[in-house]
Protein backbone atom coordinates (compact mmCIF):
# COMPACT_ATOMS: atom_id res chain seq x y z
CA MET A 1 0.00 0.00 0.00
CA LYS A 2 1.27 3.46 -0.90
CA ARG A 3 1.83 6.07 1.81
CA TRP A 4 -0.94 8.28 0.41
CA GLN A 5 -3.40 5.40 0.69
CA GLU A 6 -2.41 4.80 4.32
CA LEU A 7 -2.95 8.48 5.12
CA LEU A 8 -6.30 8.47 3.38
CA GLY A 9 -7.37 5.63 5.63
CA GLY A 10 -7.39 8.13 8.50
CA CYS A 11 -10.26 10.18 7.07
CA ALA A 12 -13.23 10.90 9.33
CA ARG A 13 -16.17 8.92 7.94
CA SER A 14 -18.81 9.29 10.64
CA ALA A 15 -20.34 12.01 12.79
CA ASP A 16 -19.03 10.27 15.90
CA GLU A 17 -15.47 10.88 14.67
CA LEU A 18 -16.28 14.59 14.42
CA ARG A 19 -17.97 14.85 17.83
CA ASP A 20 -15.01 16.04 19.89
CA ARG A 21 -13.27 17.96 17.10
CA LEU A 22 -16.31 20.13 16.35
CA TYR A 23 -17.99 20.16 19.77
CA LEU A 24 -21.08 18.31 18.56
CA ASP A 25 -23.89 17.34 20.89
CA ALA A 26 -25.78 14.04 20.70
CA GLY A 27 -28.58 15.56 18.62
CA GLU A 28 -26.14 16.94 16.04
CA VAL A 29 -24.37 13.58 15.80
CA ALA A 30 -27.66 11.78 15.21
CA GLU A 31 -28.69 14.31 12.53
CA MET A 32 -25.35 14.02 10.72
CA ASP A 33 -25.54 10.23 10.77
CA ARG A 34 -28.98 10.46 9.20
CA ILE A 35 -27.63 12.67 6.42
CA ALA A 36 -24.56 10.47 5.92
CA ALA A 37 -26.81 7.49 5.17
CA SER A 38 -27.74 9.28 1.93
CA TYR A 39 -24.68 11.49 1.35
CA PRO A 40 -21.54 9.92 2.89
CA ILE A 41 -18.96 11.71 5.02
CA CYS A 42 -15.27 11.66 4.19
CA ILE A 43 -12.92 14.36 5.54
CA PRO A 44 -9.12 13.99 5.63
CA GLU A 45 -7.35 14.90 8.85
CA TYR A 46 -5.46 17.59 6.94
CA TYR A 47 -8.65 19.37 5.87
CA LEU A 48 -10.26 19.01 9.30
CA ASP A 49 -7.34 20.98 10.72
CA LEU A 50 -8.32 23.96 8.54
CA ILE A 51 -11.69 24.32 10.33
CA ASP A 52 -12.19 26.81 13.15
CA PRO A 53 -14.15 24.54 15.53
CA ALA A 54 -15.45 27.52 17.51
CA ASP A 55 -17.20 28.97 14.45
CA PRO A 56 -20.36 27.10 13.41
CA HIS A 57 -20.43 29.20 10.21
CA ASP A 58 -16.82 28.55 9.27
CA PRO A 59 -16.58 28.40 5.44
CA ILE A 60 -14.22 25.42 5.49
CA ARG A 61 -16.61 23.53 7.74
CA LYS A 62 -19.50 24.38 5.44
CA MET A 63 -17.80 22.63 2.52
CA CYS A 64 -17.13 19.33 4.29
CA VAL A 65 -19.45 18.82 7.30
CA PRO A 66 -23.05 17.61 6.74
CA ASP A 67 -25.87 20.07 7.27
CA VAL A 68 -29.60 19.48 7.64
CA MET A 69 -30.12 21.69 4.56
CA GLU A 70 -29.02 18.71 2.46
CA PHE A 71 -32.46 17.24 3.09
CA SER A 72 -34.29 20.37 1.93
CA ARG A 73 -36.54 19.80 -1.05
CA GLY A 74 -35.83 20.84 -4.62
CA GLY A 75 -33.20 20.36 -7.27
CA SER A 76 -32.25 17.42 -9.44
CA MET A 77 -29.45 14.87 -9.47
CA ASP A 78 -28.23 15.52 -13.03
CA THR A 79 -28.38 19.25 -13.67
CA SER A 80 -26.19 19.33 -16.80
CA GLY A 81 -27.65 16.45 -18.77
CA GLU A 82 -24.68 14.14 -18.23
CA HIS A 83 -26.75 11.02 -18.79
CA ASP A 84 -27.89 12.28 -22.20
CA ASN A 85 -24.29 12.88 -23.30
CA THR A 86 -22.92 9.46 -22.34
CA VAL A 87 -21.55 7.58 -25.36
CA VAL A 88 -19.75 4.74 -23.55
CA GLN A 89 -20.19 3.84 -19.90
CA GLY A 90 -18.28 6.52 -17.99
CA MET A 91 -17.52 8.65 -21.07
CA GLN A 92 -19.45 11.75 -22.12
CA HIS A 93 -19.21 13.66 -25.40
CA LYS A 94 -21.10 16.92 -25.05
CA TYR A 95 -18.76 19.36 -26.78
CA ARG A 96 -17.21 18.59 -30.15
CA GLN A 97 -13.50 18.70 -29.19
CA THR A 98 -13.72 17.12 -25.72
CA VAL A 99 -14.66 13.85 -24.10
CA MET A 100 -15.01 13.63 -20.33
CA ILE A 101 -14.41 10.43 -18.38
CA LEU A 102 -15.89 9.61 -14.98
CA SER A 103 -12.85 7.60 -13.93
CA THR A 104 -13.89 6.89 -10.32
CA ASN A 105 -16.66 7.57 -7.81
CA GLN A 106 -14.13 8.22 -5.03
CA CYS A 107 -12.77 11.50 -3.67
CA ALA A 108 -10.32 12.28 -0.89
CA MET A 109 -13.12 14.40 0.59
CA TYR A 110 -16.85 14.36 -0.08
CA CYS A 111 -17.69 18.02 -0.58
CA ARG A 112 -21.18 18.99 0.57
CA HIS A 113 -21.64 21.14 -2.55
CA CYS A 114 -20.75 18.30 -4.95
CA PHE A 115 -22.80 18.34 -8.17
CA ARG A 116 -22.33 14.56 -8.56
CA LYS A 117 -23.79 13.62 -5.19
CA ARG A 118 -25.68 10.91 -7.06
CA LEU A 119 -22.52 8.85 -7.44
CA VAL A 120 -19.59 10.13 -5.33
CA GLY A 121 -18.94 7.59 -2.60
CA LEU A 122 -22.05 5.69 -3.68
CA SER A 123 -22.86 4.27 -7.11
CA SER A 124 -20.33 2.96 -9.63
CA GLU A 125 -22.93 2.50 -12.38
CA GLU A 126 -21.72 5.58 -14.28
CA VAL A 127 -17.99 5.00 -13.72
CA ALA A 128 -15.74 4.11 -16.66
CA ALA A 129 -15.08 0.39 -16.96
CA ARG A 130 -14.11 -0.28 -20.59
CA LEU A 131 -10.98 1.64 -21.55
CA PRO A 132 -10.49 -0.09 -24.94
CA GLU A 133 -14.03 0.85 -25.96
CA MET A 134 -13.48 4.47 -24.92
CA ALA A 135 -10.19 4.60 -26.82
CA ALA A 136 -11.87 3.21 -29.94
CA TYR A 137 -14.55 5.91 -29.73
CA VAL A 138 -11.90 8.66 -29.52
CA ARG A 139 -9.92 7.17 -32.42
CA ASP A 140 -13.08 7.14 -34.53
CA HIS A 141 -13.73 10.85 -33.80
CA PRO A 142 -10.74 12.89 -35.03
CA GLU A 143 -12.48 16.13 -34.03
CA ILE A 144 -11.74 15.22 -30.39
CA ASP A 145 -8.45 16.87 -29.47
CA ASN A 146 -8.51 16.52 -25.67
CA VAL A 147 -9.61 14.18 -22.92
CA LEU A 148 -10.79 15.31 -19.47
CA ILE A 149 -10.32 12.64 -16.80
CA SER A 150 -12.63 13.45 -13.93
CA GLY A 151 -14.67 11.58 -11.31
CA GLY A 152 -15.01 11.68 -8.34
CA ASP A 153 -11.41 12.78 -8.22
CA ALA A 154 -9.08 11.67 -11.02
CA PHE A 155 -6.09 11.52 -8.65
CA LEU A 156 -7.88 9.04 -6.39
CA ASN A 157 -7.10 6.47 -9.07
CA THR A 158 -3.97 4.42 -8.49
CA ASP A 159 -0.82 5.24 -10.43
CA ASP A 160 -1.39 2.10 -12.52
CA VAL A 161 -4.87 3.26 -13.53
CA ILE A 162 -3.60 6.76 -14.34
CA THR A 163 -0.81 5.20 -16.41
CA GLY A 164 -3.43 3.26 -18.36
CA TYR A 165 -5.30 6.42 -19.25
CA LEU A 166 -2.15 8.31 -20.20
CA GLU A 167 -0.68 5.50 -22.30
CA THR A 168 -3.98 4.97 -24.09
CA PHE A 169 -4.80 8.56 -24.98
CA ALA A 170 -1.25 9.89 -25.45
CA SER A 171 -0.94 7.27 -28.19
CA ILE A 172 -3.80 8.73 -30.23
CA PRO A 173 -2.31 11.23 -32.74
CA HIS A 174 -5.13 13.79 -32.66
CA ILE A 175 -5.09 14.17 -28.83
CA ARG A 176 -3.26 17.41 -28.07
CA PHE A 177 -3.69 17.54 -24.31
CA ILE A 178 -5.07 15.55 -21.38
CA ARG A 179 -6.73 17.16 -18.39
CA PHE A 180 -7.09 15.78 -14.87
CA GLY A 181 -9.82 17.21 -12.63
CA THR A 182 -8.71 16.98 -9.00
CA ARG A 183 -9.32 18.60 -5.65
CA THR A 184 -6.46 16.72 -3.96
CA PRO A 185 -4.11 19.77 -3.92
CA VAL A 186 -6.83 21.40 -1.79
CA THR A 187 -8.14 18.60 0.40
CA PHE A 188 -5.37 16.00 0.42
CA PRO A 189 -2.04 17.32 -0.98
CA PHE A 190 -0.23 14.18 0.22
CA ARG A 191 -1.55 12.36 -2.85
CA ILE A 192 0.94 14.48 -4.78
CA THR A 193 3.75 15.01 -2.26
CA ALA A 194 3.97 11.55 -0.64
CA ASP A 195 5.68 8.43 -2.03
CA ASP A 196 8.82 10.24 -3.23
CA GLY A 197 7.07 11.95 -6.13
CA GLU A 198 5.94 8.79 -7.91
CA LEU A 199 2.80 10.47 -9.27
CA THR A 200 4.61 13.58 -10.49
CA ASP A 201 7.37 11.46 -12.06
CA LEU A 202 4.63 9.61 -13.95
CA LEU A 203 3.04 12.87 -15.11
CA ALA A 204 6.42 14.28 -16.16
CA ARG A 205 7.20 11.17 -18.18
CA TYR A 206 3.97 11.32 -20.18
CA GLY A 207 4.15 15.09 -20.34
CA GLU A 208 7.00 14.68 -22.79
CA ARG A 209 4.48 13.10 -25.19
CA VAL A 210 1.33 15.15 -24.59
CA GLN A 211 0.58 18.30 -22.61
CA ILE A 212 -0.96 17.52 -19.22
CA ILE A 213 -3.23 20.07 -17.58
CA VAL A 214 -4.32 19.76 -13.95
CA VAL A 215 -7.57 21.54 -13.08
CA THR A 216 -7.82 22.26 -9.36
CA HIS A 217 -10.79 23.38 -7.26
CA PHE A 218 -9.89 26.00 -4.64
CA ASN A 219 -12.92 27.83 -3.22
CA HIS A 220 -11.55 29.85 -0.30
CA PRO A 221 -8.25 31.65 0.49
CA ARG A 222 -7.71 29.54 3.61
CA GLU A 223 -7.43 26.45 1.40
CA VAL A 224 -4.21 27.84 -0.10
CA THR A 225 -1.84 26.50 2.57
CA ASP A 226 1.89 25.76 2.62
CA GLN A 227 1.08 22.09 2.00
CA SER A 228 -1.18 22.84 -0.97
CA ILE A 229 1.44 25.17 -2.44
CA ARG A 230 4.03 22.41 -2.13
CA ALA A 231 1.72 20.12 -4.11
CA ILE A 232 1.25 22.85 -6.72
CA ARG A 233 5.00 23.32 -7.05
CA GLU A 234 5.54 19.57 -7.51
CA LEU A 235 2.98 19.49 -10.32
CA GLN A 236 4.57 22.52 -11.95
CA ARG A 237 8.01 20.90 -11.78
CA ALA A 238 6.47 17.91 -13.56
CA GLY A 239 5.58 20.22 -16.46
CA CYS A 240 1.84 20.36 -15.75
CA VAL A 241 -0.19 23.47 -16.54
CA LEU A 242 -2.44 24.37 -13.60
CA ARG A 243 -5.84 26.02 -13.90
CA ASN A 244 -8.51 26.48 -11.23
CA GLN A 245 -12.28 26.20 -11.20
CA THR A 246 -14.05 27.88 -8.29
CA VAL A 247 -17.73 27.46 -7.47
CA LEU A 248 -19.56 30.51 -6.15
CA LEU A 249 -20.96 29.26 -2.83
CA ARG A 250 -23.23 31.00 -0.34
CA GLY A 251 -21.51 31.38 3.00
CA VAL A 252 -18.12 30.41 1.57
CA ASN A 253 -16.93 32.89 -1.06
CA ASP A 254 -19.99 35.02 -1.93
CA ASP A 255 -18.09 38.15 -0.96
CA PRO A 256 -16.02 40.22 -3.43
CA ALA A 257 -13.15 40.57 -0.95
CA VAL A 258 -12.97 36.81 -0.34
CA LEU A 259 -13.27 35.90 -4.02
CA SER A 260 -10.66 38.42 -5.14
CA ALA A 261 -8.28 37.36 -2.35
CA LEU A 262 -8.60 33.73 -3.44
CA LEU A 263 -8.00 34.31 -7.14
CA ASN A 264 -5.17 36.81 -6.58
CA ARG A 265 -3.49 34.32 -4.26
CA LEU A 266 -3.80 31.50 -6.79
CA VAL A 267 -2.18 33.61 -9.50
CA SER A 268 0.70 34.37 -7.14
CA VAL A 269 1.50 30.64 -6.94
CA GLY A 270 1.04 30.00 -10.64
CA VAL A 271 -2.51 28.61 -10.73
CA MET A 272 -4.51 30.52 -13.32
CA PRO A 273 -8.25 31.08 -12.66
CA TYR A 274 -10.26 29.28 -15.33
CA TYR A 275 -13.93 29.47 -14.34
CA VAL A 276 -16.04 30.76 -11.50
CA PHE A 277 -19.06 28.50 -11.76
CA GLN A 278 -22.61 29.23 -10.72
CA CYS A 279 -23.53 26.55 -8.20
CA ARG A 280 -25.80 24.00 -9.84
CA PRO A 281 -29.34 23.32 -8.56
CA VAL A 282 -28.44 19.85 -7.34
CA GLU A 283 -30.70 18.00 -4.93
CA GLY A 284 -29.15 18.35 -1.48
CA VAL A 285 -27.10 21.38 -2.59
CA LYS A 286 -29.18 24.17 -4.15
CA ASN A 287 -30.94 25.48 -1.04
CA GLN A 288 -27.75 25.57 0.98
CA PHE A 289 -25.19 26.91 -1.47
CA GLN A 290 -26.75 28.67 -4.47
CA VAL A 291 -26.31 32.43 -4.88
CA PRO A 292 -28.88 34.37 -6.96
CA LEU A 293 -27.63 35.18 -10.45
CA VAL A 294 -28.07 38.94 -10.14
CA ARG A 295 -26.12 39.01 -6.89
CA GLY A 296 -23.51 36.62 -8.28
CA ALA A 297 -22.86 38.87 -11.27
CA ARG A 298 -22.43 41.83 -8.95
CA ILE A 299 -20.03 39.89 -6.68
CA VAL A 300 -17.92 38.84 -9.65
CA ASP A 301 -17.77 42.38 -11.06
CA GLU A 302 -16.77 43.85 -7.70
CA ALA A 303 -14.16 41.13 -7.17
CA LYS A 304 -12.67 41.75 -10.62
CA ALA A 305 -12.17 45.39 -9.69
CA GLU A 306 -9.62 44.18 -7.13
CA MET A 307 -7.73 41.90 -9.54
CA SER A 308 -5.04 42.28 -12.17
CA GLY A 309 -5.83 41.42 -15.75
CA ILE A 310 -4.36 37.94 -15.40
CA ALA A 311 -6.32 37.12 -12.24
CA LYS A 312 -9.62 38.20 -13.79
CA ALA A 313 -9.17 36.33 -17.06
CA PHE A 314 -11.70 33.74 -15.90
CA ARG A 315 -15.32 33.36 -16.99
CA TYR A 316 -18.32 33.40 -14.68
CA ALA A 317 -20.42 30.61 -16.13
CA MET A 318 -22.98 27.90 -15.58
CA SER A 319 -22.88 24.33 -16.88
CA HIS A 320 -26.37 24.04 -18.30
CA PRO A 321 -27.83 21.12 -20.32
CA ASP A 322 -27.71 23.41 -23.37
CA GLY A 323 -24.04 24.26 -22.86
CA LYS A 324 -21.54 26.28 -20.90
CA ILE A 325 -23.18 29.70 -20.57
CA GLU A 326 -21.19 32.75 -19.59
CA ILE A 327 -22.96 35.20 -17.28
CA LEU A 328 -21.82 38.58 -18.59
CA GLY A 329 -23.69 40.94 -16.26
CA SER A 330 -26.59 43.33 -15.96
CA ALA A 331 -28.49 44.43 -19.04
CA GLY A 332 -30.67 46.79 -16.96
CA GLU A 333 -34.29 46.61 -15.77
CA GLY A 334 -34.14 43.13 -14.24
CA LYS A 335 -32.31 41.57 -17.17
CA LEU A 336 -28.99 39.74 -17.42
CA LEU A 337 -26.80 39.32 -20.47
CA PHE A 338 -25.53 35.82 -21.29
CA LYS A 339 -23.32 34.22 -23.94
CA PHE A 340 -22.88 30.64 -25.07
CA HIS A 341 -19.22 30.00 -24.31
CA GLN A 342 -19.71 26.40 -25.48
CA ALA A 343 -22.93 24.90 -26.77
CA LYS A 344 -24.24 21.40 -27.23
CA ASP A 345 -25.83 22.64 -30.45
CA ARG A 346 -22.94 24.17 -32.37
CA ALA A 347 -25.30 26.69 -33.96
CA ASP A 348 -25.53 28.38 -30.55
CA ASN A 349 -21.77 28.83 -30.09
CA GLY A 350 -20.96 32.45 -29.27
CA ARG A 351 -24.60 33.53 -29.27
CA LEU A 352 -25.55 36.42 -26.98
CA PHE A 353 -28.97 36.54 -25.36
CA VAL A 354 -30.83 38.45 -22.66
CA CYS A 355 -33.16 36.95 -20.05
CA ASP A 356 -35.46 38.47 -17.47
CA VAL A 357 -34.02 37.33 -14.13
CA ALA A 358 -35.74 37.76 -10.76
CA ASP A 359 -33.65 38.95 -7.81
CA ASP A 360 -33.88 35.54 -6.14
CA GLN A 361 -33.41 33.43 -9.29
CA CYS A 362 -30.37 31.15 -9.18
CA TRP A 363 -30.56 29.24 -12.50
CA LEU A 364 -31.96 29.39 -16.03
CA ASP A 365 -34.75 26.86 -15.92
CA ASP A 366 -36.08 27.55 -19.42
CA GLU A 367 -34.09 26.47 -22.44
CA PRO A 368 -31.60 29.27 -23.25
CA SER A 369 -31.46 27.97 -26.82
CA ARG A 370 -34.95 29.44 -27.22
CA ALA A 371 -34.02 32.84 -25.81
CA GLY A 372 -33.94 35.75 -28.20
CA THR A 373 -30.59 36.52 -29.85
CA LEU A 374 -29.24 40.04 -29.54
């Protein structure tokens, strides 16, 4: 067993293990256990140490500790139409140039805002199982120039599994780069820094054949620790390009000062902001974490005012069934301006449209493809 696997075995996986650390009473323990029966708990010791146990509203706590709001009604389990885009078990092809692989249902930490709560730590029905079939699909579609390996967390796969993905897709001539989606630099940096750099040596070796991009998921400035920076530096030394996707979360980073501090800090350690995502209306997530669109646009604009050009080169967007839709800002009189950054229907690519948006509205429920073009 690798050292990182031994360390991961020490994760807190029940409310009882959190009782003393977070000063929980018997009622809170019972409530958390009830939630965990539907949405499991998994919190590494490292990430637990980032929580202020005296603050019940601590943003780090909010992202990892169960809350009764997870049982509030509303939302859906597949908010971006992932099932409709599946072409091989575990592989989705929504956008022309990209396939996305659900490589595992495991994460180092089970985030409470996860948009794949339907499978993380639970079901393996959607997880990739037939690599040769996926490779054949990519070979038969020369328009695909990149592969995104996601999950769960792509780095929760063993080195042997990661090697299989890299060897397979780096050998296909029209693949220009391979992305790994991972939150381990944030929640469990030892996956990268333990075991004498075996993972980064692997990435460096294949990086000589195809560009490897690591997409991280930092949501709060306090997640950028000395340990996470060490993991970032190791990945950079391996030749990986690092980009970050942040989710706008109520009670975590829905403050211009917090959001700008996070993204400025990431740039300072060489992690370029990629997207700030609107939180999806996922069952067990939407009522706890979603921020209204109008307020979100204002937060993003005010945060950008405190950033350099490089730090604010991200897009504020939502992953909608119709595509990746950029939220551009106010169009006046209760309207917001949107743009298809990527579209499932290629005819919509780049299209601008305006929608009436109520002050408390957090998502576009109607089909944006039907909205009027500017």
